[in-house]
Amino acid sequence: MLTIRLERVGKKNRAQFKIVLQEKRIAPGGAHVEILGSYDPHTKSTLLKEDRIKHWLSQGAQPSDTAHNLFVSKGIMAGAKIKVKMPAKKVEPSVTEVVADKEVAAEIPVTKPEEVKAEKAETTETKAGASVAEVKKVEEKKEVVAEAPKEEVKPEPSDAKAVEDKETSRSEQA
């Protein structure tokens, strides 16, 4: 299957694109069937071979989302633009956020799998309008409060104490 896509050319931080027709399975920098134009995003200048683009579209070539939007804005294709969504970068949490998350997790009560199954099984409605599972959940919270085990934090020895310990260990070795 043929596709019309952008192939990046140009210098670092100064991108330019060739609009090429190529097989869908081939990488964008690989061999192409035909060059259909060029696009410079910095100056917004576009050179397109409109007759060849229309020819290949009529032959069944599929444009990429960005190429489709470019053709719609230049009037080669009719229709609405396609939203092109770039994936968000994952930000690694800092050490303080990880510690805060552990403290929050320690405060959350732990439910047993048997309790979850019992709650799912009993979802019939009562006359008051509340389900049996909700009534039992409220009663269980009043009776039993499960606490997660808290981690003990050992204080680090002060610098003066650490120096004394090192000196005593050296004198013992001698």
C-alpha atoms as a PDB file:
ATOM      1  CA  MET A   1       0.000   0.000   0.000  1.00  0.00           C
ATOM      2  CA  LEU A   2       1.344   3.405  -0.958  1.00  0.00           C
ATOM      3  CA  THR A   3       1.388   6.317   1.450  1.00  0.00           C
ATOM      4  CA  ILE A   4       2.171  10.015   1.149  1.00  0.00           C
ATOM      5  CA  ARG A   5       4.225  11.201   4.080  1.00  0.00           C
ATOM      6  CA  LEU A   6       6.807  13.745   5.192  1.00  0.00           C
ATOM      7  CA  GLU A   7      10.511  12.867   5.150  1.00  0.00           C
ATOM      8  CA  ARG A   8      12.696  15.021   7.377  1.00  0.00           C
ATOM      9  CA  VAL A   9      15.696  16.689   5.781  1.00  0.00           C
ATOM     10  CA  GLY A  10      17.710  19.739   6.742  1.00  0.00           C
ATOM     11  CA  LYS A  11      20.056  20.671   9.545  1.00  0.00           C
ATOM     12  CA  LYS A  12      19.793  20.186  13.273  1.00  0.00           C
ATOM     13  CA  ASN A  13      17.168  22.558  14.739  1.00  0.00           C
ATOM     14  CA  ARG A  14      16.335  23.674  11.180  1.00  0.00           C
ATOM     15  CA  ALA A  15      14.043  20.969   9.862  1.00  0.00           C
ATOM     16  CA  GLN A  16      12.676  20.844   6.329  1.00  0.00           C
ATOM     17  CA  PHE A  17      10.506  18.115   4.893  1.00  0.00           C
ATOM     18  CA  LYS A  18      10.173  16.398   1.545  1.00  0.00           C
ATOM     19  CA  ILE A  19       6.685  15.175   0.729  1.00  0.00           C
ATOM     20  CA  VAL A  20       7.223  11.719  -0.727  1.00  0.00           C
ATOM     21  CA  LEU A  21       5.214   8.787  -2.017  1.00  0.00           C
ATOM     22  CA  GLN A  22       6.489   5.461  -0.731  1.00  0.00           C
ATOM     23  CA  GLU A  23       5.466   2.001   0.353  1.00  0.00           C
ATOM     24  CA  LYS A  24       3.869   2.036   3.825  1.00  0.00           C
ATOM     25  CA  ARG A  25       6.212  -0.614   5.234  1.00  0.00           C
ATOM     26  CA  ILE A  26       9.374   1.289   4.296  1.00  0.00           C
ATOM     27  CA  ALA A  27      10.853   3.691   6.852  1.00  0.00           C
ATOM     28  CA  PRO A  28      10.288   7.404   6.133  1.00  0.00           C
ATOM     29  CA  GLY A  29      13.962   7.910   5.272  1.00  0.00           C
ATOM     30  CA  GLY A  30      14.043   4.912   2.923  1.00  0.00           C
ATOM     31  CA  ALA A  31      13.479   4.518  -0.795  1.00  0.00           C
ATOM     32  CA  HIS A  32      10.556   6.430  -2.262  1.00  0.00           C
ATOM     33  CA  VAL A  33       8.546   6.128  -5.472  1.00  0.00           C
ATOM     34  CA  GLU A  34       8.217   9.839  -6.179  1.00  0.00           C
ATOM     35  CA  ILE A  35       8.904  13.225  -4.573  1.00  0.00           C
ATOM     36  CA  LEU A  36       5.657  15.201  -4.491  1.00  0.00           C
ATOM     37  CA  GLY A  37       6.837  18.457  -2.928  1.00  0.00           C
ATOM     38  CA  SER A  38       8.538  20.098   0.028  1.00  0.00           C
ATOM     39  CA  TYR A  39       7.556  21.931   3.215  1.00  0.00           C
ATOM     40  CA  ASP A  40       9.513  24.349   5.411  1.00  0.00           C
ATOM     41  CA  PRO A  41       7.788  24.742   8.807  1.00  0.00           C
ATOM     42  CA  HIS A  42       9.925  27.754   9.788  1.00  0.00           C
ATOM     43  CA  THR A  43       8.916  29.953   6.866  1.00  0.00           C
ATOM     44  CA  LYS A  44       5.632  28.077   6.260  1.00  0.00           C
ATOM     45  CA  SER A  45       6.542  27.796   2.570  1.00  0.00           C
ATOM     46  CA  THR A  46       5.172  24.846   0.645  1.00  0.00           C
ATOM     47  CA  LEU A  47       5.955  23.595  -2.860  1.00  0.00           C
ATOM     48  CA  LEU A  48       3.521  20.918  -4.030  1.00  0.00           C
ATOM     49  CA  LYS A  49       3.000  19.048  -7.284  1.00  0.00           C
ATOM     50  CA  GLU A  50      -0.789  19.243  -7.063  1.00  0.00           C
ATOM     51  CA  ASP A  51      -1.516  17.252 -10.224  1.00  0.00           C
ATOM     52  CA  ARG A  52       0.732  14.333  -9.117  1.00  0.00           C
ATOM     53  CA  ILE A  53      -0.715  14.379  -5.570  1.00  0.00           C
ATOM     54  CA  LYS A  54      -4.269  14.224  -6.948  1.00  0.00           C
ATOM     55  CA  HIS A  55      -3.221  11.434  -9.328  1.00  0.00           C
ATOM     56  CA  TRP A  56      -1.773   9.271  -6.545  1.00  0.00           C
ATOM     57  CA  LEU A  57      -4.712   9.958  -4.247  1.00  0.00           C
ATOM     58  CA  SER A  58      -7.031   8.771  -7.020  1.00  0.00           C
ATOM     59  CA  GLN A  59      -4.879   5.623  -7.372  1.00  0.00           C
ATOM     60  CA  GLY A  60      -5.472   4.798  -3.667  1.00  0.00           C
ATOM     61  CA  ALA A  61      -2.437   6.293  -1.911  1.00  0.00           C
ATOM     62  CA  GLN A  62      -3.210   7.170   1.716  1.00  0.00           C
ATOM     63  CA  PRO A  63      -1.762  10.423   3.148  1.00  0.00           C
ATOM     64  CA  SER A  64      -0.373  10.490   6.674  1.00  0.00           C
ATOM     65  CA  ASP A  65      -2.284  12.625   9.187  1.00  0.00           C
ATOM     66  CA  THR A  66       0.150  15.533   8.863  1.00  0.00           C
ATOM     67  CA  ALA A  67       0.222  15.320   5.061  1.00  0.00           C
ATOM     68  CA  HIS A  68      -3.599  15.191   5.038  1.00  0.00           C
ATOM     69  CA  ASN A  69      -3.772  18.362   7.158  1.00  0.00           C
ATOM     70  CA  LEU A  70      -1.262  20.080   4.860  1.00  0.00           C
ATOM     71  CA  PHE A  71      -3.278  19.145   1.762  1.00  0.00           C
ATOM     72  CA  VAL A  72      -6.526  20.356   3.364  1.00  0.00           C
ATOM     73  CA  SER A  73      -4.975  23.710   4.318  1.00  0.00           C
ATOM     74  CA  LYS A  74      -3.626  24.171   0.755  1.00  0.00           C
ATOM     75  CA  GLY A  75      -6.962  23.200  -0.828  1.00  0.00           C
ATOM     76  CA  ILE A  76      -5.795  20.021  -2.555  1.00  0.00           C
ATOM     77  CA  MET A  77      -8.142  17.828  -0.494  1.00  0.00           C
ATOM     78  CA  ALA A  78     -11.590  18.623   0.830  1.00  0.00           C
ATOM     79  CA  GLY A  79     -12.627  17.773   4.364  1.00  0.00           C
ATOM     80  CA  ALA A  80     -11.716  18.529   7.938  1.00  0.00           C
ATOM     81  CA  LYS A  81      -8.260  18.380   9.441  1.00  0.00           C
ATOM     82  CA  ILE A  82      -7.265  15.381  11.528  1.00  0.00           C
ATOM     83  CA  LYS A  83      -6.070  15.962  15.077  1.00  0.00           C
ATOM     84  CA  VAL A  84      -2.454  14.873  15.367  1.00  0.00           C
ATOM     85  CA  LYS A  85      -1.657  14.046  18.969  1.00  0.00           C
ATOM     86  CA  MET A  86       1.920  13.717  20.124  1.00  0.00           C
ATOM     87  CA  PRO A  87       2.524  11.379  23.101  1.00  0.00           C
ATOM     88  CA  ALA A  88       3.258  13.201  26.346  1.00  0.00           C
ATOM     89  CA  LYS A  89       6.693  12.764  27.858  1.00  0.00           C
ATOM     90  CA  LYS A  90       6.774  10.758  31.071  1.00  0.00           C
ATOM     91  CA  VAL A  91       8.237  12.691  33.973  1.00  0.00           C
ATOM     92  CA  GLU A  92       9.946  10.617  36.640  1.00  0.00           C
ATOM     93  CA  PRO A  93       8.734  11.519  40.139  1.00  0.00           C
ATOM     94  CA  SER A  94      11.222  13.108  42.493  1.00  0.00           C
ATOM     95  CA  VAL A  95      12.326  11.431  45.725  1.00  0.00           C
ATOM     96  CA  THR A  96      10.004  13.570  47.868  1.00  0.00           C
ATOM     97  CA  GLU A  97       6.984  12.636  45.732  1.00  0.00           C
ATOM     98  CA  VAL A  98       7.809   8.919  46.048  1.00  0.00           C
ATOM     99  CA  VAL A  99       8.088   9.212  49.860  1.00  0.00           C
ATOM    100  CA  ALA A 100       4.789  11.137  50.013  1.00  0.00           C
ATOM    101  CA  ASP A 101       3.081   8.461  47.883  1.00  0.00           C
ATOM    102  CA  LYS A 102       4.285   5.728  50.267  1.00  0.00           C
ATOM    103  CA  GLU A 103       2.898   7.645  53.255  1.00  0.00           C
ATOM    104  CA  VAL A 104      -0.469   8.052  51.529  1.00  0.00           C
ATOM    105  CA  ALA A 105      -0.509   4.370  50.611  1.00  0.00           C
ATOM    106  CA  ALA A 106       0.159   3.447  54.243  1.00  0.00           C
ATOM    107  CA  GLU A 107      -2.980   5.357  55.325  1.00  0.00           C
ATOM    108  CA  ILE A 108      -5.310   3.558  52.858  1.00  0.00           C
ATOM    109  CA  PRO A 109      -7.156   0.631  54.482  1.00  0.00           C
ATOM    110  CA  VAL A 110      -6.537  -2.774  52.941  1.00  0.00           C
ATOM    111  CA  THR A 111      -9.569  -4.870  51.932  1.00  0.00           C
ATOM    112  CA  LYS A 112      -9.415  -8.639  51.681  1.00  0.00           C
ATOM    113  CA  PRO A 113     -10.371 -10.396  48.422  1.00  0.00           C
ATOM    114  CA  GLU A 114     -13.160 -12.313  50.197  1.00  0.00           C
ATOM    115  CA  GLU A 115     -14.783  -9.021  51.244  1.00  0.00           C
ATOM    116  CA  VAL A 116     -14.649  -7.698  47.681  1.00  0.00           C
ATOM    117  CA  LYS A 117     -16.293 -10.856  46.304  1.00  0.00           C
ATOM    118  CA  ALA A 118     -19.031 -10.681  48.963  1.00  0.00           C
ATOM    119  CA  GLU A 119     -19.729  -7.022  48.098  1.00  0.00           C
ATOM    120  CA  LYS A 120     -20.032  -7.799  44.385  1.00  0.00           C
ATOM    121  CA  ALA A 121     -22.345 -10.751  45.001  1.00  0.00           C
ATOM    122  CA  GLU A 122     -24.809  -8.764  47.126  1.00  0.00           C
ATOM    123  CA  THR A 123     -26.084  -5.877  45.025  1.00  0.00           C
ATOM    124  CA  THR A 124     -29.813  -6.255  45.533  1.00  0.00           C
ATOM    125  CA  GLU A 125     -31.768  -3.152  46.398  1.00  0.00           C
ATOM    126  CA  THR A 126     -33.465  -2.660  49.761  1.00  0.00           C
ATOM    127  CA  LYS A 127     -36.681  -0.741  50.485  1.00  0.00           C
ATOM    128  CA  ALA A 128     -34.772   2.369  51.628  1.00  0.00           C
ATOM    129  CA  GLY A 129     -33.029   2.603  48.230  1.00  0.00           C
ATOM    130  CA  ALA A 130     -29.512   1.701  49.389  1.00  0.00           C
ATOM    131  CA  SER A 131     -27.989  -1.585  48.289  1.00  0.00           C
ATOM    132  CA  VAL A 132     -27.152  -4.309  50.816  1.00  0.00           C
ATOM    133  CA  ALA A 133     -23.499  -4.090  49.852  1.00  0.00           C
ATOM    134  CA  GLU A 134     -23.383  -0.374  50.718  1.00  0.00           C
ATOM    135  CA  VAL A 135     -25.032  -0.957  54.111  1.00  0.00           C
ATOM    136  CA  LYS A 136     -22.579  -3.739  54.976  1.00  0.00           C
ATOM    137  CA  LYS A 137     -19.642  -1.623  53.806  1.00  0.00           C
ATOM    138  CA  VAL A 138     -20.632   1.195  56.197  1.00  0.00           C
ATOM    139  CA  GLU A 139     -21.054  -1.256  59.085  1.00  0.00           C
ATOM    140  CA  GLU A 140     -17.664  -2.848  58.429  1.00  0.00           C
ATOM    141  CA  LYS A 141     -15.948   0.536  58.383  1.00  0.00           C
ATOM    142  CA  LYS A 142     -17.442   1.336  61.788  1.00  0.00           C
ATOM    143  CA  GLU A 143     -16.400  -2.012  63.298  1.00  0.00           C
ATOM    144  CA  VAL A 144     -12.996  -2.693  61.823  1.00  0.00           C
ATOM    145  CA  VAL A 145     -10.383  -0.234  60.673  1.00  0.00           C
ATOM    146  CA  ALA A 146      -7.498  -1.965  58.958  1.00  0.00           C
ATOM    147  CA  GLU A 147      -4.159  -0.279  59.313  1.00  0.00           C
ATOM    148  CA  ALA A 148      -1.235  -0.896  57.010  1.00  0.00           C
ATOM    149  CA  PRO A 149       2.103  -1.596  58.701  1.00  0.00           C
ATOM    150  CA  LYS A 150       4.240   1.480  59.054  1.00  0.00           C
ATOM    151  CA  GLU A 151       7.897   1.425  58.105  1.00  0.00           C
ATOM    152  CA  GLU A 152      10.374   2.401  60.783  1.00  0.00           C
ATOM    153  CA  VAL A 153      12.888   5.004  59.757  1.00  0.00           C
ATOM    154  CA  LYS A 154      16.295   4.637  61.350  1.00  0.00           C
ATOM    155  CA  PRO A 155      17.950   7.970  62.099  1.00  0.00           C
ATOM    156  CA  GLU A 156      21.347   8.455  60.541  1.00  0.00           C
ATOM    157  CA  PRO A 157      24.216   8.911  63.008  1.00  0.00           C
ATOM    158  CA  SER A 158      25.548  12.410  63.341  1.00  0.00           C
ATOM    159  CA  ASP A 159      28.855  13.252  61.685  1.00  0.00           C
ATOM    160  CA  ALA A 160      30.720  13.576  64.972  1.00  0.00           C
ATOM    161  CA  LYS A 161      29.506  10.188  66.172  1.00  0.00           C
ATOM    162  CA  ALA A 162      30.439   8.569  62.853  1.00  0.00           C
ATOM    163  CA  VAL A 163      33.973  10.001  63.060  1.00  0.00           C
ATOM    164  CA  GLU A 164      34.371   8.636  66.624  1.00  0.00           C
ATOM    165  CA  ASP A 165      33.180   5.197  65.518  1.00  0.00           C
ATOM    166  CA  LYS A 166      35.708   5.131  62.673  1.00  0.00           C
ATOM    167  CA  GLU A 167      38.547   6.178  64.983  1.00  0.00           C
ATOM    168  CA  THR A 168      37.684   3.526  67.567  1.00  0.00           C
ATOM    169  CA  SER A 169      37.509   0.815  64.888  1.00  0.00           C
ATOM    170  CA  ARG A 170      40.951   1.865  63.571  1.00  0.00           C
ATOM    171  CA  SER A 171      42.512   1.846  67.033  1.00  0.00           C
ATOM    172  CA  GLU A 172      41.053  -1.616  67.712  1.00  0.00           C
ATOM    173  CA  GLN A 173      42.558  -2.958  64.489  1.00  0.00           C
ATOM    174  CA  ALA A 174      46.064  -1.686  65.371  1.00  0.00           C
END
